[in-house]
Amino acid sequence: MEGAILHTNSNKDLDLILQLAEKLGISSKKLSKKEMEDWGLANAITKGKTNEYVDTESFLTELQNDR
């Protein structure tokens, strides 16, 4: 399975792409702004995940010192 994410400011162009996908038998879904934000956040979390323990107190102290 492969996937793609497209972004445009033109609803007309996006609708055309979705129609083309349907004609080609490609499943597609128009995402809301909230869904795009959720996907971006989930992607950032996944990329930043290190599986290493981080001490909460030292992390918060470091954040406060950076002000």
Protein backbone atom coordinates (compact mmCIF):
# COMPACT_ATOMS: atom_id res chain seq x y z
CA MET A 1 0.00 0.00 0.00
CA GLU A 2 1.23 3.46 -0.88
CA GLY A 3 -0.20 6.86 0.01
CA ALA A 4 0.11 10.54 -0.73
CA ILE A 5 -0.95 13.79 0.87
CA LEU A 6 -1.79 16.73 -1.34
CA HIS A 7 -2.49 20.31 -0.31
CA THR A 8 -4.04 23.13 -2.30
CA ASN A 9 -5.84 26.35 -1.53
CA SER A 10 -8.23 25.69 -4.41
CA ASN A 11 -11.32 23.60 -3.60
CA LYS A 12 -11.99 23.34 -7.34
CA ASP A 13 -8.57 21.77 -8.01
CA LEU A 14 -8.89 19.43 -5.03
CA ASP A 15 -12.32 18.26 -6.17
CA LEU A 16 -10.89 17.59 -9.65
CA ILE A 17 -8.07 15.49 -8.18
CA LEU A 18 -10.54 13.54 -6.03
CA GLN A 19 -12.75 12.89 -9.07
CA LEU A 20 -9.72 11.64 -11.01
CA ALA A 21 -8.72 9.35 -8.14
CA GLU A 22 -12.24 7.90 -8.07
CA LYS A 23 -12.19 7.26 -11.84
CA LEU A 24 -8.81 5.50 -11.45
CA GLY A 25 -10.13 3.33 -8.61
CA ILE A 26 -7.95 5.02 -6.01
CA SER A 27 -9.50 5.54 -2.60
CA SER A 28 -9.27 9.11 -1.37
CA LYS A 29 -10.61 11.31 1.39
CA LYS A 30 -10.91 15.05 1.75
CA LEU A 31 -9.51 16.06 5.16
CA SER A 32 -10.77 18.90 7.32
CA LYS A 33 -8.33 21.43 8.73
CA LYS A 34 -8.60 19.71 12.14
CA GLU A 35 -7.82 16.31 10.62
CA MET A 36 -4.75 17.77 8.87
CA GLU A 37 -3.56 19.32 12.15
CA ASP A 38 -4.08 16.01 13.96
CA TRP A 39 -2.11 14.15 11.29
CA GLY A 40 0.71 16.70 11.51
CA LEU A 41 0.87 16.41 15.28
CA ALA A 42 0.84 12.60 15.18
CA ASN A 43 3.60 12.66 12.56
CA ALA A 44 5.74 15.04 14.66
CA ILE A 45 5.27 12.84 17.75
CA THR A 46 6.30 9.74 15.81
CA LYS A 47 9.42 11.43 14.40
CA GLY A 48 10.42 12.78 17.81
CA LYS A 49 9.88 9.51 19.67
CA THR A 50 13.17 8.15 21.07
CA ASN A 51 11.90 5.47 23.48
CA GLU A 52 14.31 6.88 26.06
CA TYR A 53 13.24 7.84 29.57
CA VAL A 54 13.20 11.58 30.24
CA ASP A 55 13.16 12.81 33.82
CA THR A 56 10.17 15.14 34.10
CA GLU A 57 11.70 17.43 36.73
CA SER A 58 14.95 18.00 34.86
CA PHE A 59 13.04 18.53 31.60
CA LEU A 60 10.78 21.17 33.18
CA THR A 61 13.75 22.87 34.84
CA GLU A 62 15.54 23.03 31.51
CA LEU A 63 12.47 24.55 29.85
CA GLN A 64 12.20 27.21 32.56
CA ASN A 65 15.91 28.08 32.24
CA ASP A 66 15.54 28.68 28.50
CA ARG A 67 13.23 31.65 29.03
